[in-house]
Amino acid sequence: MLKEFFAVTMTSVYRVRDDGEGRGSAEKIALKSTSAFPVGHVLTGGHMIAVCKWLMPYRPDDGDERRVENIEPSYWGENTSYIVALFLSRKLAMECFETRGELKACDSRWLGETMDVIESIGTEHPVFEFCRNPHLTMLKVTH
């Protein structure tokens, strides 16, 4: 089961972790421009981490629902800027982040690495959730 991955956003790199005890976290580990959150900031607002167009902690509502797109937005936490790519390796995430030229949301140059992370999250991960809602997802995935 996936315990850690890295998300490169338009301004930052986040280390996303599963603590093994039912809590996920997303900590900013690098920053290239201005941002609301400094390096070292851990996103707040829930114990699950959603991968949408952005990273976002959230907490499932009082029922059995855990899919972020079905959760009342009042249960959503802080969010990052748009995600450029997802990586299983910190080294590859940092190489992406340091790439010359413009980074784009869901940058096709790293689609393979992004898909590897999405597939590793799957549909039943205890703390990571990949959002499939067409209005919120970072890419169109049907599985």
N, C-alpha and C. Protein backbone atom coordinates (compact mmCIF):
# COMPACT_ATOMS: atom_id res chain seq x y z
N MET A 1 0.84 -1.18 0.00
CA MET A 1 0.00 0.00 0.00
C MET A 1 0.88 1.25 0.00
N LEU A 2 0.49 2.23 -0.79
CA LEU A 2 1.24 3.47 -0.93
C LEU A 2 1.32 4.21 0.40
N LYS A 3 2.54 4.54 0.82
CA LYS A 3 2.76 5.27 2.07
C LYS A 3 3.20 6.70 1.86
N GLU A 4 3.74 7.00 0.67
CA GLU A 4 4.28 8.34 0.44
C GLU A 4 4.33 8.62 -1.06
N PHE A 5 4.04 9.86 -1.41
CA PHE A 5 4.27 10.33 -2.76
C PHE A 5 4.55 11.83 -2.70
N PHE A 6 4.92 12.39 -3.84
CA PHE A 6 5.28 13.80 -3.91
C PHE A 6 4.43 14.48 -4.97
N ALA A 7 3.95 15.66 -4.65
CA ALA A 7 3.14 16.44 -5.58
C ALA A 7 3.86 17.74 -5.90
N VAL A 8 4.07 17.97 -7.19
CA VAL A 8 4.62 19.24 -7.64
C VAL A 8 3.43 20.09 -8.04
N THR A 9 3.35 21.28 -7.45
CA THR A 9 2.28 22.21 -7.81
C THR A 9 2.89 23.36 -8.60
N MET A 10 2.08 24.32 -8.95
CA MET A 10 2.56 25.45 -9.75
C MET A 10 3.62 26.27 -9.01
N THR A 11 3.65 26.19 -7.67
CA THR A 11 4.60 26.99 -6.89
C THR A 11 5.47 26.19 -5.94
N SER A 12 5.14 24.91 -5.69
CA SER A 12 5.76 24.20 -4.57
C SER A 12 5.87 22.70 -4.82
N VAL A 13 6.54 22.04 -3.88
CA VAL A 13 6.57 20.58 -3.83
C VAL A 13 6.06 20.17 -2.46
N TYR A 14 5.19 19.16 -2.44
CA TYR A 14 4.62 18.63 -1.20
C TYR A 14 4.98 17.17 -1.04
N ARG A 15 5.32 16.80 0.19
CA ARG A 15 5.52 15.40 0.55
C ARG A 15 4.20 14.95 1.19
N VAL A 16 3.57 13.96 0.58
CA VAL A 16 2.27 13.48 1.04
C VAL A 16 2.50 12.11 1.67
N ARG A 17 2.05 11.95 2.93
CA ARG A 17 2.35 10.73 3.68
C ARG A 17 1.12 10.13 4.33
N ASP A 18 1.17 8.82 4.48
CA ASP A 18 0.21 8.05 5.25
C ASP A 18 0.95 7.61 6.50
N ASP A 19 0.46 8.02 7.68
CA ASP A 19 1.17 7.68 8.92
C ASP A 19 0.94 6.25 9.37
N GLY A 20 0.09 5.50 8.66
CA GLY A 20 -0.18 4.12 9.02
C GLY A 20 -1.20 3.98 10.13
N GLU A 21 -1.65 5.10 10.67
CA GLU A 21 -2.64 5.07 11.75
C GLU A 21 -3.90 5.83 11.38
N GLY A 22 -4.17 5.90 10.07
CA GLY A 22 -5.41 6.53 9.61
C GLY A 22 -5.34 8.02 9.39
N ARG A 23 -4.14 8.58 9.31
CA ARG A 23 -4.00 10.03 9.07
C ARG A 23 -3.03 10.26 7.91
N GLY A 24 -3.45 11.12 7.02
CA GLY A 24 -2.59 11.55 5.93
C GLY A 24 -2.12 12.97 6.20
N SER A 25 -1.00 13.34 5.60
CA SER A 25 -0.50 14.71 5.74
C SER A 25 0.15 15.14 4.44
N ALA A 26 0.17 16.44 4.23
CA ALA A 26 0.84 17.02 3.07
C ALA A 26 1.67 18.20 3.56
N GLU A 27 3.00 18.05 3.48
CA GLU A 27 3.92 19.07 3.96
C GLU A 27 4.67 19.69 2.79
N LYS A 28 4.71 21.02 2.78
CA LYS A 28 5.46 21.73 1.74
C LYS A 28 6.95 21.56 2.02
N ILE A 29 7.68 21.07 1.01
CA ILE A 29 9.11 20.84 1.19
C ILE A 29 9.96 21.73 0.28
N ALA A 30 9.34 22.42 -0.67
CA ALA A 30 10.09 23.34 -1.54
C ALA A 30 9.13 24.40 -2.06
N LEU A 31 9.70 25.57 -2.31
CA LEU A 31 8.91 26.72 -2.80
C LEU A 31 9.75 27.48 -3.80
N LYS A 32 9.14 27.85 -4.93
CA LYS A 32 9.89 28.56 -5.96
C LYS A 32 9.44 30.00 -6.15
N SER A 33 8.25 30.33 -5.73
CA SER A 33 7.77 31.71 -5.89
C SER A 33 6.94 32.08 -4.66
N THR A 34 6.12 33.07 -4.79
CA THR A 34 5.30 33.46 -3.65
C THR A 34 4.18 32.45 -3.42
N SER A 35 3.82 32.31 -2.16
CA SER A 35 2.79 31.34 -1.78
C SER A 35 2.22 31.74 -0.44
N ALA A 36 1.00 31.33 -0.20
CA ALA A 36 0.36 31.60 1.09
C ALA A 36 1.00 30.79 2.22
N PHE A 37 1.64 29.66 1.87
CA PHE A 37 2.21 28.78 2.88
C PHE A 37 3.73 28.69 2.73
N PRO A 38 4.47 28.80 3.84
CA PRO A 38 5.93 28.68 3.78
C PRO A 38 6.36 27.20 3.72
N VAL A 39 7.63 26.98 3.39
CA VAL A 39 8.20 25.63 3.47
C VAL A 39 8.03 25.15 4.91
N GLY A 40 7.64 23.90 5.06
CA GLY A 40 7.40 23.31 6.37
C GLY A 40 5.94 23.32 6.77
N HIS A 41 5.11 24.08 6.07
CA HIS A 41 3.68 24.14 6.40
C HIS A 41 3.02 22.80 6.06
N VAL A 42 2.22 22.30 6.98
CA VAL A 42 1.43 21.09 6.76
C VAL A 42 -0.02 21.53 6.58
N LEU A 43 -0.60 21.13 5.46
CA LEU A 43 -1.99 21.51 5.19
C LEU A 43 -2.90 21.02 6.30
N THR A 44 -3.86 21.85 6.68
CA THR A 44 -4.77 21.49 7.76
C THR A 44 -6.20 21.36 7.22
N GLY A 45 -7.03 20.66 8.00
CA GLY A 45 -8.44 20.59 7.67
C GLY A 45 -8.98 19.19 7.54
N GLY A 46 -8.21 18.17 7.83
CA GLY A 46 -8.73 16.82 7.77
C GLY A 46 -7.63 15.79 7.79
N HIS A 47 -8.04 14.53 7.95
CA HIS A 47 -7.07 13.44 8.05
C HIS A 47 -6.93 12.64 6.76
N MET A 48 -7.77 12.92 5.76
CA MET A 48 -7.61 12.29 4.45
C MET A 48 -7.04 13.35 3.50
N ILE A 49 -6.31 12.89 2.49
CA ILE A 49 -5.72 13.81 1.51
C ILE A 49 -6.34 13.51 0.14
N ALA A 50 -6.98 14.51 -0.43
CA ALA A 50 -7.58 14.38 -1.75
C ALA A 50 -6.63 14.92 -2.80
N VAL A 51 -6.53 14.20 -3.91
CA VAL A 51 -5.81 14.67 -5.08
C VAL A 51 -6.88 15.11 -6.07
N CYS A 52 -7.10 16.41 -6.14
CA CYS A 52 -8.05 17.01 -7.07
C CYS A 52 -7.22 17.78 -8.10
N LYS A 53 -7.70 18.91 -8.56
CA LYS A 53 -6.85 19.80 -9.36
C LYS A 53 -5.72 20.31 -8.48
N TRP A 54 -5.91 20.22 -7.19
CA TRP A 54 -4.99 20.65 -6.15
C TRP A 54 -4.94 19.55 -5.10
N LEU A 55 -4.02 19.64 -4.16
CA LEU A 55 -4.02 18.76 -2.98
C LEU A 55 -4.89 19.41 -1.92
N MET A 56 -5.62 18.58 -1.17
CA MET A 56 -6.49 19.15 -0.16
C MET A 56 -6.80 18.11 0.92
N PRO A 57 -6.53 18.44 2.18
CA PRO A 57 -6.99 17.56 3.25
C PRO A 57 -8.50 17.74 3.41
N TYR A 58 -9.15 16.71 3.87
CA TYR A 58 -10.58 16.79 4.15
C TYR A 58 -10.93 15.73 5.18
N ARG A 59 -12.11 15.85 5.71
CA ARG A 59 -12.58 14.81 6.61
C ARG A 59 -13.92 14.31 6.11
N PRO A 60 -14.06 13.00 6.06
CA PRO A 60 -15.34 12.45 5.61
C PRO A 60 -16.47 12.96 6.49
N ASP A 61 -17.65 13.05 5.91
CA ASP A 61 -18.78 13.53 6.71
C ASP A 61 -19.18 12.48 7.74
N ASP A 62 -20.23 12.73 8.45
CA ASP A 62 -20.63 11.86 9.55
C ASP A 62 -21.16 10.50 9.10
N GLY A 63 -21.45 10.35 7.82
CA GLY A 63 -21.92 9.07 7.30
C GLY A 63 -20.76 8.21 6.84
N ASP A 64 -21.06 7.30 5.93
CA ASP A 64 -20.03 6.40 5.40
C ASP A 64 -19.34 6.95 4.17
N GLU A 65 -19.76 8.10 3.69
CA GLU A 65 -19.21 8.67 2.46
C GLU A 65 -17.78 9.16 2.68
N ARG A 66 -16.87 8.79 1.77
CA ARG A 66 -15.49 9.25 1.85
C ARG A 66 -14.99 9.87 0.56
N ARG A 67 -15.76 9.74 -0.53
CA ARG A 67 -15.35 10.34 -1.80
C ARG A 67 -15.43 11.85 -1.67
N VAL A 68 -14.33 12.52 -1.90
CA VAL A 68 -14.22 13.96 -1.65
C VAL A 68 -15.28 14.74 -2.42
N GLU A 69 -15.59 14.33 -3.63
CA GLU A 69 -16.56 15.07 -4.43
C GLU A 69 -17.98 14.97 -3.88
N ASN A 70 -18.22 14.02 -2.98
CA ASN A 70 -19.53 13.87 -2.36
C ASN A 70 -19.59 14.43 -0.95
N ILE A 71 -18.49 15.02 -0.51
CA ILE A 71 -18.39 15.57 0.84
C ILE A 71 -18.77 17.05 0.80
N GLU A 72 -19.54 17.47 1.77
CA GLU A 72 -19.90 18.89 1.92
C GLU A 72 -18.62 19.72 1.99
N PRO A 73 -18.50 20.78 1.19
CA PRO A 73 -17.27 21.59 1.19
C PRO A 73 -16.86 22.14 2.56
N SER A 74 -17.78 22.22 3.51
CA SER A 74 -17.39 22.69 4.84
C SER A 74 -16.45 21.69 5.53
N TYR A 75 -16.34 20.46 5.00
CA TYR A 75 -15.42 19.46 5.53
C TYR A 75 -14.09 19.47 4.79
N TRP A 76 -13.93 20.36 3.81
CA TRP A 76 -12.68 20.48 3.07
C TRP A 76 -11.72 21.39 3.82
N GLY A 77 -10.42 21.13 3.68
CA GLY A 77 -9.42 21.96 4.34
C GLY A 77 -8.71 22.88 3.37
N GLU A 78 -7.50 23.29 3.76
CA GLU A 78 -6.69 24.16 2.92
C GLU A 78 -6.35 23.44 1.61
N ASN A 79 -6.05 24.20 0.58
CA ASN A 79 -5.64 23.55 -0.66
C ASN A 79 -4.42 24.25 -1.26
N THR A 80 -3.73 23.50 -2.10
CA THR A 80 -2.54 24.00 -2.78
C THR A 80 -2.94 24.68 -4.09
N SER A 81 -1.96 25.19 -4.79
CA SER A 81 -2.19 25.62 -6.17
C SER A 81 -2.34 24.35 -7.03
N TYR A 82 -2.65 24.53 -8.30
CA TYR A 82 -2.89 23.39 -9.18
C TYR A 82 -1.69 22.45 -9.23
N ILE A 83 -1.99 21.16 -9.33
CA ILE A 83 -0.95 20.13 -9.41
C ILE A 83 -0.38 20.06 -10.82
N VAL A 84 0.95 20.04 -10.90
CA VAL A 84 1.67 19.86 -12.16
C VAL A 84 1.83 18.37 -12.44
N ALA A 85 2.29 17.62 -11.42
CA ALA A 85 2.54 16.19 -11.58
C ALA A 85 2.69 15.54 -10.21
N LEU A 86 2.52 14.22 -10.19
CA LEU A 86 2.69 13.41 -8.99
C LEU A 86 3.84 12.44 -9.22
N PHE A 87 4.59 12.15 -8.14
CA PHE A 87 5.76 11.29 -8.25
C PHE A 87 5.85 10.36 -7.06
N LEU A 88 6.40 9.18 -7.29
CA LEU A 88 6.70 8.25 -6.21
C LEU A 88 8.06 8.56 -5.59
N SER A 89 8.89 9.30 -6.32
CA SER A 89 10.26 9.60 -5.91
C SER A 89 10.44 11.10 -5.66
N ARG A 90 11.05 11.43 -4.54
CA ARG A 90 11.38 12.84 -4.26
C ARG A 90 12.34 13.39 -5.31
N LYS A 91 13.32 12.57 -5.70
CA LYS A 91 14.32 13.00 -6.68
C LYS A 91 13.65 13.43 -7.98
N LEU A 92 12.73 12.62 -8.49
CA LEU A 92 12.04 12.97 -9.74
C LEU A 92 11.14 14.19 -9.57
N ALA A 93 10.52 14.30 -8.41
CA ALA A 93 9.67 15.48 -8.15
C ALA A 93 10.52 16.74 -8.18
N MET A 94 11.69 16.70 -7.57
CA MET A 94 12.55 17.88 -7.54
C MET A 94 13.10 18.19 -8.94
N GLU A 95 13.39 17.17 -9.73
CA GLU A 95 13.84 17.41 -11.11
C GLU A 95 12.73 18.10 -11.91
N CYS A 96 11.50 17.66 -11.74
CA CYS A 96 10.37 18.31 -12.40
C CYS A 96 10.26 19.76 -11.95
N PHE A 97 10.32 19.97 -10.65
CA PHE A 97 10.15 21.29 -10.07
C PHE A 97 11.22 22.27 -10.56
N GLU A 98 12.43 21.76 -10.80
CA GLU A 98 13.55 22.59 -11.22
C GLU A 98 13.68 22.69 -12.74
N THR A 99 12.73 22.12 -13.47
CA THR A 99 12.74 22.18 -14.93
C THR A 99 12.65 23.62 -15.41
N ARG A 100 13.47 23.93 -16.39
CA ARG A 100 13.39 25.26 -17.00
C ARG A 100 12.13 25.33 -17.84
N GLY A 101 11.60 26.52 -17.95
CA GLY A 101 10.40 26.70 -18.75
C GLY A 101 9.16 26.64 -17.88
N GLU A 102 8.06 26.88 -18.52
CA GLU A 102 6.80 26.97 -17.81
C GLU A 102 6.24 25.60 -17.44
N LEU A 103 5.84 25.46 -16.19
CA LEU A 103 5.12 24.27 -15.76
C LEU A 103 3.65 24.51 -15.99
N LYS A 104 2.93 23.45 -16.31
CA LYS A 104 1.50 23.56 -16.56
C LYS A 104 0.75 22.62 -15.63
N ALA A 105 -0.48 22.98 -15.31
CA ALA A 105 -1.31 22.09 -14.52
C ALA A 105 -1.45 20.78 -15.28
N CYS A 106 -1.30 19.68 -14.57
CA CYS A 106 -1.33 18.33 -15.16
C CYS A 106 -0.47 18.28 -16.42
N ASP A 107 0.79 18.60 -16.24
CA ASP A 107 1.75 18.70 -17.34
C ASP A 107 1.96 17.32 -17.99
N SER A 108 1.73 17.25 -19.28
CA SER A 108 1.80 15.97 -20.00
C SER A 108 3.21 15.36 -19.99
N ARG A 109 4.24 16.17 -19.72
CA ARG A 109 5.60 15.64 -19.69
C ARG A 109 5.79 14.59 -18.59
N TRP A 110 4.95 14.64 -17.56
CA TRP A 110 5.08 13.71 -16.44
C TRP A 110 3.80 12.90 -16.23
N LEU A 111 3.06 12.70 -17.31
CA LEU A 111 1.81 11.95 -17.19
C LEU A 111 2.04 10.51 -16.74
N GLY A 112 3.10 9.88 -17.21
CA GLY A 112 3.38 8.49 -16.80
C GLY A 112 3.61 8.39 -15.30
N GLU A 113 4.42 9.28 -14.75
CA GLU A 113 4.69 9.28 -13.32
C GLU A 113 3.41 9.59 -12.52
N THR A 114 2.63 10.54 -13.03
CA THR A 114 1.37 10.89 -12.37
C THR A 114 0.44 9.68 -12.34
N MET A 115 0.33 8.98 -13.45
CA MET A 115 -0.55 7.81 -13.52
C MET A 115 -0.06 6.70 -12.59
N ASP A 116 1.25 6.56 -12.43
CA ASP A 116 1.77 5.56 -11.49
C ASP A 116 1.28 5.84 -10.07
N VAL A 117 1.29 7.10 -9.67
CA VAL A 117 0.81 7.46 -8.33
C VAL A 117 -0.70 7.22 -8.22
N ILE A 118 -1.45 7.66 -9.22
CA ILE A 118 -2.90 7.47 -9.18
C ILE A 118 -3.26 5.99 -9.09
N GLU A 119 -2.57 5.17 -9.85
CA GLU A 119 -2.81 3.72 -9.79
C GLU A 119 -2.42 3.16 -8.44
N SER A 120 -1.37 3.67 -7.83
CA SER A 120 -0.96 3.21 -6.50
C SER A 120 -1.96 3.62 -5.42
N ILE A 121 -2.61 4.77 -5.60
CA ILE A 121 -3.65 5.18 -4.65
C ILE A 121 -4.84 4.25 -4.78
N GLY A 122 -5.22 3.92 -6.00
CA GLY A 122 -6.35 3.01 -6.23
C GLY A 122 -7.67 3.64 -5.78
N THR A 123 -8.62 2.78 -5.43
CA THR A 123 -9.94 3.26 -5.03
C THR A 123 -10.26 3.01 -3.56
N GLU A 124 -9.39 2.31 -2.87
CA GLU A 124 -9.68 1.95 -1.48
C GLU A 124 -8.59 2.34 -0.49
N HIS A 125 -7.73 3.27 -0.87
CA HIS A 125 -6.65 3.66 0.05
C HIS A 125 -7.26 4.28 1.31
N PRO A 126 -6.75 3.95 2.48
CA PRO A 126 -7.38 4.45 3.72
C PRO A 126 -7.25 5.95 3.96
N VAL A 127 -6.25 6.64 3.38
CA VAL A 127 -6.12 8.08 3.64
C VAL A 127 -5.92 8.93 2.39
N PHE A 128 -5.65 8.34 1.24
CA PHE A 128 -5.50 9.11 0.00
C PHE A 128 -6.71 8.85 -0.89
N GLU A 129 -7.17 9.88 -1.54
CA GLU A 129 -8.34 9.76 -2.42
C GLU A 129 -8.04 10.52 -3.72
N PHE A 130 -8.20 9.85 -4.85
CA PHE A 130 -8.07 10.52 -6.14
C PHE A 130 -9.47 10.91 -6.60
N CYS A 131 -9.69 12.19 -6.78
CA CYS A 131 -11.00 12.72 -7.16
C CYS A 131 -11.25 12.49 -8.65
N ARG A 132 -12.39 11.90 -8.95
CA ARG A 132 -12.75 11.62 -10.34
C ARG A 132 -13.87 12.52 -10.86
N ASN A 133 -14.34 13.45 -10.05
CA ASN A 133 -15.37 14.37 -10.49
C ASN A 133 -14.83 15.22 -11.63
N PRO A 134 -15.56 15.29 -12.77
CA PRO A 134 -15.04 16.02 -13.93
C PRO A 134 -14.73 17.50 -13.67
N HIS A 135 -15.37 18.09 -12.67
CA HIS A 135 -15.13 19.51 -12.38
C HIS A 135 -13.97 19.73 -11.40
N LEU A 136 -13.58 18.68 -10.70
CA LEU A 136 -12.54 18.80 -9.68
C LEU A 136 -11.27 18.01 -9.97
N THR A 137 -11.33 17.02 -10.84
CA THR A 137 -10.18 16.15 -11.06
C THR A 137 -9.07 16.85 -11.82
N MET A 138 -7.84 16.41 -11.58
CA MET A 138 -6.70 16.99 -12.29
C MET A 138 -6.62 16.45 -13.70
N LEU A 139 -7.21 15.29 -13.96
CA LEU A 139 -7.25 14.73 -15.30
C LEU A 139 -8.43 13.78 -15.41
N LYS A 140 -8.79 13.46 -16.59
CA LYS A 140 -9.92 12.57 -16.81
C LYS A 140 -9.44 11.13 -16.76
N VAL A 141 -9.84 10.41 -15.72
CA VAL A 141 -9.46 9.01 -15.53
C VAL A 141 -10.75 8.24 -15.33
N THR A 142 -10.88 7.09 -15.98
CA THR A 142 -12.13 6.34 -15.89
C THR A 142 -12.02 5.08 -15.04
N HIS A 143 -10.84 4.78 -14.53
CA HIS A 143 -10.73 3.56 -13.71
C HIS A 143 -10.50 3.89 -12.25
